[in-house]
PDB file of all heavy atoms in Angstrom:
ATOM      1  N   GLY A   1     -27.922   6.940 -20.997  1.00  0.00           N
ATOM      2  CA  GLY A   1     -26.709   6.138 -20.935  1.00  0.00           C
ATOM      3  C   GLY A   1     -26.352   5.820 -19.486  1.00  0.00           C
ATOM      4  O   GLY A   1     -26.715   6.561 -18.568  1.00  0.00           O
ATOM      5  N   LEU A   2     -25.657   4.712 -19.267  1.00  0.00           N
ATOM      6  CA  LEU A   2     -25.249   4.364 -17.915  1.00  0.00           C
ATOM      7  C   LEU A   2     -24.295   5.440 -17.395  1.00  0.00           C
ATOM      8  O   LEU A   2     -23.485   5.988 -18.157  1.00  0.00           O
ATOM      9  CB  LEU A   2     -24.604   2.986 -17.893  1.00  0.00           C
ATOM     10  CG  LEU A   2     -25.515   1.851 -18.400  1.00  0.00           C
ATOM     11  CD1 LEU A   2     -24.831   0.501 -18.260  1.00  0.00           C
ATOM     12  CD2 LEU A   2     -26.847   1.842 -17.660  1.00  0.00           C
ATOM     13  N   ARG A   3     -24.368   5.711 -16.097  1.00  0.00           N
ATOM     14  CA  ARG A   3     -23.687   6.877 -15.528  1.00  0.00           C
ATOM     15  C   ARG A   3     -22.247   6.608 -15.124  1.00  0.00           C
ATOM     16  O   ARG A   3     -21.584   7.503 -14.598  1.00  0.00           O
ATOM     17  CB  ARG A   3     -24.485   7.380 -14.328  1.00  0.00           C
ATOM     18  CG  ARG A   3     -25.865   7.918 -14.724  1.00  0.00           C
ATOM     19  CD  ARG A   3     -26.651   8.440 -13.529  1.00  0.00           C
ATOM     20  NE  ARG A   3     -27.796   9.222 -13.948  1.00  0.00           N
ATOM     21  CZ  ARG A   3     -29.005   8.740 -14.201  1.00  0.00           C
ATOM     22  NH1 ARG A   3     -29.223   7.441 -14.077  1.00  0.00           N
ATOM     23  NH2 ARG A   3     -29.999   9.522 -14.577  1.00  0.00           N
ATOM     24  N   PHE A   4     -21.756   5.409 -15.350  1.00  0.00           N
ATOM     25  CA  PHE A   4     -20.375   5.051 -15.009  1.00  0.00           C
ATOM     26  C   PHE A   4     -19.657   4.643 -16.285  1.00  0.00           C
ATOM     27  O   PHE A   4     -20.274   4.287 -17.287  1.00  0.00           O
ATOM     28  CB  PHE A   4     -20.344   3.920 -13.975  1.00  0.00           C
ATOM     29  CG  PHE A   4     -21.278   2.781 -14.301  1.00  0.00           C
ATOM     30  CD1 PHE A   4     -20.891   1.763 -15.159  1.00  0.00           C
ATOM     31  CD2 PHE A   4     -22.566   2.753 -13.763  1.00  0.00           C
ATOM     32  CE1 PHE A   4     -21.767   0.729 -15.471  1.00  0.00           C
ATOM     33  CE2 PHE A   4     -23.437   1.708 -14.076  1.00  0.00           C
ATOM     34  CZ  PHE A   4     -23.030   0.694 -14.930  1.00  0.00           C
ATOM     35  N   ALA A   5     -18.328   4.694 -16.226  1.00  0.00           N
ATOM     36  CA  ALA A   5     -17.523   4.390 -17.405  1.00  0.00           C
ATOM     37  C   ALA A   5     -17.305   2.890 -17.556  1.00  0.00           C
ATOM     38  O   ALA A   5     -17.440   2.112 -16.604  1.00  0.00           O
ATOM     39  CB  ALA A   5     -16.163   5.099 -17.311  1.00  0.00           C
ATOM     40  N   ASN A   6     -16.947   2.503 -18.745  1.00  0.00           N
ATOM     41  CA  ASN A   6     -16.703   1.113 -19.096  1.00  0.00           C
ATOM     42  C   ASN A   6     -15.304   0.686 -18.607  1.00  0.00           C
ATOM     43  O   ASN A   6     -14.421   0.344 -19.381  1.00  0.00           O
ATOM     44  CB  ASN A   6     -16.812   0.982 -20.637  1.00  0.00           C
ATOM     45  CG  ASN A   6     -16.586  -0.432 -21.117  1.00  0.00           C
ATOM     46  OD1 ASN A   6     -16.915  -1.399 -20.437  1.00  0.00           O
ATOM     47  ND2 ASN A   6     -16.009  -0.558 -22.310  1.00  0.00           N
ATOM     48  N   ARG A   7     -15.131   0.720 -17.301  1.00  0.00           N
ATOM     49  CA  ARG A   7     -13.876   0.302 -16.673  1.00  0.00           C
ATOM     50  C   ARG A   7     -14.215  -0.669 -15.549  1.00  0.00           C
ATOM     51  O   ARG A   7     -14.940  -0.317 -14.601  1.00  0.00           O
ATOM     52  CB  ARG A   7     -13.110   1.514 -16.124  1.00  0.00           C
ATOM     53  CG  ARG A   7     -12.561   2.413 -17.215  1.00  0.00           C
ATOM     54  CD  ARG A   7     -11.580   3.431 -16.664  1.00  0.00           C
ATOM     55  NE  ARG A   7     -12.246   4.429 -15.834  1.00  0.00           N
ATOM     56  CZ  ARG A   7     -12.711   5.584 -16.300  1.00  0.00           C
ATOM     57  NH1 ARG A   7     -12.607   5.884 -17.590  1.00  0.00           N
ATOM     58  NH2 ARG A   7     -13.303   6.447 -15.489  1.00  0.00           N
ATOM     59  N   TRP A   8     -13.661  -1.882 -15.639  1.00  0.00           N
ATOM     60  CA  TRP A   8     -14.052  -2.959 -14.740  1.00  0.00           C
ATOM     61  C   TRP A   8     -12.816  -3.654 -14.172  1.00  0.00           C
ATOM     62  O   TRP A   8     -11.788  -3.747 -14.836  1.00  0.00           O
ATOM     63  CB  TRP A   8     -14.910  -3.990 -15.498  1.00  0.00           C
ATOM     64  CG  TRP A   8     -16.094  -3.382 -16.180  1.00  0.00           C
ATOM     65  CD1 TRP A   8     -16.117  -2.796 -17.402  1.00  0.00           C
ATOM     66  CD2 TRP A   8     -17.416  -3.266 -15.658  1.00  0.00           C
ATOM     67  NE1 TRP A   8     -17.382  -2.327 -17.696  1.00  0.00           N
ATOM     68  CE2 TRP A   8     -18.197  -2.605 -16.637  1.00  0.00           C
ATOM     69  CE3 TRP A   8     -18.023  -3.675 -14.476  1.00  0.00           C
ATOM     70  CZ2 TRP A   8     -19.547  -2.339 -16.471  1.00  0.00           C
ATOM     71  CZ3 TRP A   8     -19.369  -3.417 -14.304  1.00  0.00           C
ATOM     72  CH2 TRP A   8     -20.123  -2.763 -15.282  1.00  0.00           C
ATOM     73  N   ALA A   9     -12.970  -4.165 -12.966  1.00  0.00           N
ATOM     74  CA  ALA A   9     -11.880  -4.917 -12.347  1.00  0.00           C
ATOM     75  C   ALA A   9     -11.730  -6.275 -13.038  1.00  0.00           C
ATOM     76  O   ALA A   9     -12.709  -6.836 -13.544  1.00  0.00           O
ATOM     77  CB  ALA A   9     -12.176  -5.122 -10.861  1.00  0.00           C
ATOM     78  N   PRO A  10     -10.523  -6.816 -13.087  1.00  0.00           N
ATOM     79  CA  PRO A  10     -10.329  -8.140 -13.685  1.00  0.00           C
ATOM     80  C   PRO A  10     -10.999  -9.233 -12.861  1.00  0.00           C
ATOM     81  O   PRO A  10     -11.168  -9.110 -11.650  1.00  0.00           O
ATOM     82  CB  PRO A  10      -8.804  -8.306 -13.701  1.00  0.00           C
ATOM     83  CG  PRO A  10      -8.310  -7.392 -12.633  1.00  0.00           C
ATOM     84  CD  PRO A  10      -9.260  -6.231 -12.608  1.00  0.00           C
ATOM     85  N   GLY A  11     -11.372 -10.287 -13.534  1.00  0.00           N
ATOM     86  CA  GLY A  11     -12.039 -11.418 -12.885  1.00  0.00           C
ATOM     87  C   GLY A  11     -13.026 -12.027 -13.846  1.00  0.00           C
ATOM     88  O   GLY A  11     -13.246 -11.514 -14.948  1.00  0.00           O
ATOM     89  N   PRO A  12     -13.674 -13.138 -13.466  1.00  0.00           N
ATOM     90  CA  PRO A  12     -14.640 -13.773 -14.374  1.00  0.00           C
ATOM     91  C   PRO A  12     -15.925 -12.973 -14.481  1.00  0.00           C
ATOM     92  O   PRO A  12     -16.430 -12.434 -13.496  1.00  0.00           O
ATOM     93  CB  PRO A  12     -14.892 -15.134 -13.707  1.00  0.00           C
ATOM     94  CG  PRO A  12     -14.639 -14.892 -12.254  1.00  0.00           C
ATOM     95  CD  PRO A  12     -13.525 -13.873 -12.189  1.00  0.00           C
ATOM     96  N   ALA A  13     -16.433 -12.874 -15.702  1.00  0.00           N
ATOM     97  CA  ALA A  13     -17.730 -12.222 -15.888  1.00  0.00           C
ATOM     98  C   ALA A  13     -18.862 -13.100 -15.365  1.00  0.00           C
ATOM     99  O   ALA A  13     -19.841 -12.606 -14.808  1.00  0.00           O
ATOM    100  CB  ALA A  13     -17.946 -11.923 -17.375  1.00  0.00           C
ATOM    101  N   ARG A  14     -18.706 -14.390 -15.548  1.00  0.00           N
ATOM    102  CA  ARG A  14     -19.653 -15.356 -15.010  1.00  0.00           C
ATOM    103  C   ARG A  14     -18.875 -16.431 -14.273  1.00  0.00           C
ATOM    104  O   ARG A  14     -17.784 -16.811 -14.694  1.00  0.00           O
ATOM    105  CB  ARG A  14     -20.480 -16.013 -16.125  1.00  0.00           C
ATOM    106  CG  ARG A  14     -21.583 -15.160 -16.695  1.00  0.00           C
ATOM    107  CD  ARG A  14     -22.318 -15.897 -17.781  1.00  0.00           C
ATOM    108  NE  ARG A  14     -23.451 -15.138 -18.294  1.00  0.00           N
ATOM    109  CZ  ARG A  14     -24.115 -15.464 -19.391  1.00  0.00           C
ATOM    110  NH1 ARG A  14     -23.747 -16.511 -20.118  1.00  0.00           N
ATOM    111  NH2 ARG A  14     -25.135 -14.733 -19.809  1.00  0.00           N
ATOM    112  N   GLN A  15     -19.454 -16.939 -13.193  1.00  0.00           N
ATOM    113  CA  GLN A  15     -18.772 -17.967 -12.420  1.00  0.00           C
ATOM    114  C   GLN A  15     -19.764 -18.988 -11.914  1.00  0.00           C
ATOM    115  O   GLN A  15     -20.851 -18.641 -11.461  1.00  0.00           O
ATOM    116  CB  GLN A  15     -18.016 -17.333 -11.241  1.00  0.00           C
ATOM    117  CG  GLN A  15     -17.244 -18.340 -10.406  1.00  0.00           C
ATOM    118  CD  GLN A  15     -16.319 -17.660  -9.425  1.00  0.00           C
ATOM    119  OE1 GLN A  15     -15.422 -16.909  -9.817  1.00  0.00           O
ATOM    120  NE2 GLN A  15     -16.532 -17.899  -8.145  1.00  0.00           N
ATOM    121  N   TRP A  16     -19.390 -20.246 -11.994  1.00  0.00           N
ATOM    122  CA  TRP A  16     -20.188 -21.344 -11.478  1.00  0.00           C
ATOM    123  C   TRP A  16     -19.405 -22.065 -10.392  1.00  0.00           C
ATOM    124  O   TRP A  16     -18.233 -22.396 -10.587  1.00  0.00           O
ATOM    125  CB  TRP A  16     -20.543 -22.337 -12.586  1.00  0.00           C
ATOM    126  CG  TRP A  16     -21.474 -21.780 -13.625  1.00  0.00           C
ATOM    127  CD1 TRP A  16     -22.839 -21.841 -13.631  1.00  0.00           C
ATOM    128  CD2 TRP A  16     -21.115 -21.086 -14.817  1.00  0.00           C
ATOM    129  NE1 TRP A  16     -23.332 -21.213 -14.746  1.00  0.00           N
ATOM    130  CE2 TRP A  16     -22.313 -20.743 -15.495  1.00  0.00           C
ATOM    131  CE3 TRP A  16     -19.883 -20.702 -15.383  1.00  0.00           C
ATOM    132  CZ2 TRP A  16     -22.303 -20.057 -16.694  1.00  0.00           C
ATOM    133  CZ3 TRP A  16     -19.887 -20.014 -16.573  1.00  0.00           C
ATOM    134  CH2 TRP A  16     -21.085 -19.697 -17.211  1.00  0.00           C
ATOM    135  N   ASP A  17     -20.023 -22.276  -9.240  1.00  0.00           N
ATOM    136  CA  ASP A  17     -19.399 -22.998  -8.138  1.00  0.00           C
ATOM    137  C   ASP A  17     -19.888 -24.435  -8.159  1.00  0.00           C
ATOM    138  O   ASP A  17     -21.066 -24.720  -7.910  1.00  0.00           O
ATOM    139  CB  ASP A  17     -19.761 -22.346  -6.805  1.00  0.00           C
ATOM    140  CG  ASP A  17     -19.216 -20.926  -6.689  1.00  0.00           C
ATOM    141  OD1 ASP A  17     -18.108 -20.696  -7.199  1.00  0.00           O
ATOM    142  OD2 ASP A  17     -19.910 -20.079  -6.105  1.00  0.00           O
ATOM    143  N   LEU A  18     -18.969 -25.357  -8.474  1.00  0.00           N
ATOM    144  CA  LEU A  18     -19.286 -26.779  -8.595  1.00  0.00           C
ATOM    145  C   LEU A  18     -18.547 -27.535  -7.499  1.00  0.00           C
ATOM    146  O   LEU A  18     -17.550 -28.218  -7.735  1.00  0.00           O
ATOM    147  CB  LEU A  18     -18.891 -27.301  -9.982  1.00  0.00           C
ATOM    148  CG  LEU A  18     -19.446 -26.525 -11.168  1.00  0.00           C
ATOM    149  CD1 LEU A  18     -18.873 -27.053 -12.471  1.00  0.00           C
ATOM    150  CD2 LEU A  18     -20.966 -26.590 -11.185  1.00  0.00           C
ATOM    151  N   GLY A  19     -19.040 -27.376  -6.279  1.00  0.00           N
ATOM    152  CA  GLY A  19     -18.364 -28.007  -5.167  1.00  0.00           C
ATOM    153  C   GLY A  19     -17.024 -27.335  -4.915  1.00  0.00           C
ATOM    154  O   GLY A  19     -16.945 -26.141  -4.627  1.00  0.00           O
ATOM    155  N   LEU A  20     -15.936 -28.101  -5.044  1.00  0.00           N
ATOM    156  CA  LEU A  20     -14.598 -27.564  -4.833  1.00  0.00           C
ATOM    157  C   LEU A  20     -14.035 -26.874  -6.079  1.00  0.00           C
ATOM    158  O   LEU A  20     -12.961 -26.289  -6.026  1.00  0.00           O
ATOM    159  CB  LEU A  20     -13.637 -28.688  -4.402  1.00  0.00           C
ATOM    160  CG  LEU A  20     -13.990 -29.390  -3.083  1.00  0.00           C
ATOM    161  CD1 LEU A  20     -13.003 -30.524  -2.820  1.00  0.00           C
ATOM    162  CD2 LEU A  20     -13.988 -28.395  -1.929  1.00  0.00           C
ATOM    163  N   VAL A  21     -14.784 -26.948  -7.159  1.00  0.00           N
ATOM    164  CA  VAL A  21     -14.315 -26.398  -8.417  1.00  0.00           C
ATOM    165  C   VAL A  21     -15.095 -25.126  -8.743  1.00  0.00           C
ATOM    166  O   VAL A  21     -16.328 -25.103  -8.669  1.00  0.00           O
ATOM    167  CB  VAL A  21     -14.471 -27.415  -9.577  1.00  0.00           C
ATOM    168  CG1 VAL A  21     -14.009 -26.813 -10.894  1.00  0.00           C
ATOM    169  CG2 VAL A  21     -13.695 -28.685  -9.265  1.00  0.00           C
ATOM    170  N   HIS A  22     -14.385 -24.070  -9.099  1.00  0.00           N
ATOM    171  CA  HIS A  22     -15.000 -22.806  -9.494  1.00  0.00           C
ATOM    172  C   HIS A  22     -14.664 -22.557 -10.961  1.00  0.00           C
ATOM    173  O   HIS A  22     -13.495 -22.482 -11.329  1.00  0.00           O
ATOM    174  CB  HIS A  22     -14.484 -21.656  -8.636  1.00  0.00           C
ATOM    175  CG  HIS A  22     -14.669 -21.889  -7.161  1.00  0.00           C
ATOM    176  ND1 HIS A  22     -15.880 -21.754  -6.536  1.00  0.00           N
ATOM    177  CD2 HIS A  22     -13.783 -22.290  -6.216  1.00  0.00           C
ATOM    178  CE1 HIS A  22     -15.744 -22.029  -5.265  1.00  0.00           C
ATOM    179  NE2 HIS A  22     -14.478 -22.370  -5.035  1.00  0.00           N
ATOM    180  N   VAL A  23     -15.698 -22.442 -11.774  1.00  0.00           N
ATOM    181  CA  VAL A  23     -15.508 -22.261 -13.212  1.00  0.00           C
ATOM    182  C   VAL A  23     -15.956 -20.865 -13.601  1.00  0.00           C
ATOM    183  O   VAL A  23     -17.091 -20.460 -13.327  1.00  0.00           O
ATOM    184  CB  VAL A  23     -16.309 -23.316 -14.022  1.00  0.00           C
ATOM    185  CG1 VAL A  23     -16.104 -23.090 -15.511  1.00  0.00           C
ATOM    186  CG2 VAL A  23     -15.891 -24.721 -13.618  1.00  0.00           C
ATOM    187  N   GLY A  24     -15.060 -20.100 -14.225  1.00  0.00           N
ATOM    188  CA  GLY A  24     -15.399 -18.752 -14.653  1.00  0.00           C
ATOM    189  C   GLY A  24     -15.094 -18.549 -16.120  1.00  0.00           C
ATOM    190  O   GLY A  24     -14.190 -19.182 -16.676  1.00  0.00           O
ATOM    191  N   ILE A  25     -15.841 -17.660 -16.773  1.00  0.00           N
ATOM    192  CA  ILE A  25     -15.571 -17.308 -18.166  1.00  0.00           C
ATOM    193  C   ILE A  25     -15.662 -15.793 -18.310  1.00  0.00           C
ATOM    194  O   ILE A  25     -16.356 -15.121 -17.556  1.00  0.00           O
ATOM    195  CB  ILE A  25     -16.550 -17.985 -19.158  1.00  0.00           C
ATOM    196  CG1 ILE A  25     -17.992 -17.524 -18.893  1.00  0.00           C
ATOM    197  CG2 ILE A  25     -16.449 -19.488 -19.105  1.00  0.00           C
ATOM    198  CD1 ILE A  25     -18.957 -17.943 -19.966  1.00  0.00           C
ATOM    199  N   GLY A  26     -14.943 -15.296 -19.306  1.00  0.00           N
ATOM    200  CA  GLY A  26     -14.982 -13.865 -19.591  1.00  0.00           C
ATOM    201  C   GLY A  26     -14.136 -13.071 -18.601  1.00  0.00           C
ATOM    202  O   GLY A  26     -13.804 -13.531 -17.513  1.00  0.00           O
ATOM    203  N   ASN A  27     -13.785 -11.855 -18.997  1.00  0.00           N
ATOM    204  CA  ASN A  27     -13.009 -10.956 -18.154  1.00  0.00           C
ATOM    205  C   ASN A  27     -13.512  -9.540 -18.357  1.00  0.00           C
ATOM    206  O   ASN A  27     -13.242  -8.917 -19.389  1.00  0.00           O
ATOM    207  CB  ASN A  27     -11.521 -11.051 -18.501  1.00  0.00           C
ATOM    208  CG  ASN A  27     -10.664 -10.162 -17.622  1.00  0.00           C
ATOM    209  OD1 ASN A  27     -11.160  -9.513 -16.702  1.00  0.00           O
ATOM    210  ND2 ASN A  27      -9.376 -10.131 -17.888  1.00  0.00           N
ATOM    211  N   PRO A  28     -14.266  -8.999 -17.379  1.00  0.00           N
ATOM    212  CA  PRO A  28     -14.817  -7.649 -17.547  1.00  0.00           C
ATOM    213  C   PRO A  28     -13.757  -6.583 -17.793  1.00  0.00           C
ATOM    214  O   PRO A  28     -14.077  -5.533 -18.365  1.00  0.00           O
ATOM    215  CB  PRO A  28     -15.549  -7.404 -16.212  1.00  0.00           C
ATOM    216  CG  PRO A  28     -15.838  -8.762 -15.678  1.00  0.00           C
ATOM    217  CD  PRO A  28     -14.698  -9.627 -16.113  1.00  0.00           C
ATOM    218  N   ALA A  29     -12.515  -6.826 -17.352  1.00  0.00           N
ATOM    219  CA  ALA A  29     -11.473  -5.825 -17.539  1.00  0.00           C
ATOM    220  C   ALA A  29     -11.232  -5.532 -19.011  1.00  0.00           C
ATOM    221  O   ALA A  29     -10.692  -4.469 -19.355  1.00  0.00           O
ATOM    222  CB  ALA A  29     -10.174  -6.278 -16.867  1.00  0.00           C
ATOM    223  N   ARG A  30     -11.633  -6.434 -19.903  1.00  0.00           N
ATOM    224  CA  ARG A  30     -11.515  -6.197 -21.333  1.00  0.00           C
ATOM    225  C   ARG A  30     -12.637  -5.310 -21.859  1.00  0.00           C
ATOM    226  O   ARG A  30     -12.630  -4.915 -23.020  1.00  0.00           O
ATOM    227  CB  ARG A  30     -11.500  -7.533 -22.090  1.00  0.00           C
ATOM    228  CG  ARG A  30     -10.280  -8.395 -21.799  1.00  0.00           C
ATOM    229  CD  ARG A  30     -10.364  -9.740 -22.509  1.00  0.00           C
ATOM    230  NE  ARG A  30     -10.457  -9.589 -23.952  1.00  0.00           N
ATOM    231  CZ  ARG A  30      -9.422  -9.396 -24.758  1.00  0.00           C
ATOM    232  NH1 ARG A  30      -8.200  -9.314 -24.256  1.00  0.00           N
ATOM    233  NH2 ARG A  30      -9.582  -9.278 -26.055  1.00  0.00           N
ATOM    234  N   GLY A  31     -13.613  -4.997 -21.004  1.00  0.00           N
ATOM    235  CA  GLY A  31     -14.701  -4.097 -21.390  1.00  0.00           C
ATOM    236  C   GLY A  31     -16.022  -4.810 -21.563  1.00  0.00           C
ATOM    237  O   GLY A  31     -16.073  -5.977 -21.989  1.00  0.00           O
ATOM    238  N   LEU A  32     -17.098  -4.124 -21.223  1.00  0.00           N
ATOM    239  CA  LEU A  32     -18.459  -4.638 -21.372  1.00  0.00           C
ATOM    240  C   LEU A  32     -19.312  -3.648 -22.157  1.00  0.00           C
ATOM    241  O   LEU A  32     -20.485  -3.432 -21.850  1.00  0.00           O
ATOM    242  CB  LEU A  32     -19.077  -4.909 -19.991  1.00  0.00           C
ATOM    243  CG  LEU A  32     -18.399  -5.971 -19.129  1.00  0.00           C
ATOM    244  CD1 LEU A  32     -19.039  -6.020 -17.735  1.00  0.00           C
ATOM    245  CD2 LEU A  32     -18.472  -7.353 -19.780  1.00  0.00           C
ATOM    246  N   CYS A  33     -18.715  -3.035 -23.184  1.00  0.00           N
ATOM    247  CA  CYS A  33     -19.406  -1.985 -23.922  1.00  0.00           C
ATOM    248  C   CYS A  33     -20.690  -2.500 -24.582  1.00  0.00           C
ATOM    249  O   CYS A  33     -21.709  -1.802 -24.596  1.00  0.00           O
ATOM    250  CB  CYS A  33     -18.484  -1.358 -24.964  1.00  0.00           C
ATOM    251  SG  CYS A  33     -17.730  -2.534 -26.129  1.00  0.00           S
ATOM    252  N   GLY A  34     -20.643  -3.708 -25.151  1.00  0.00           N
ATOM    253  CA  GLY A  34     -21.834  -4.245 -25.792  1.00  0.00           C
ATOM    254  C   GLY A  34     -22.981  -4.408 -24.821  1.00  0.00           C
ATOM    255  O   GLY A  34     -24.141  -4.049 -25.111  1.00  0.00           O
TER     256      GLY A  34
END
């Protein structure tokens, strides 16, 4: 098993930088257990 707990800082799980626009989806703070 991974040696750290399922506790993550808030922010996008994935992010795309499109010039001046930054697009993010997901929030690890809700958990990444799966």
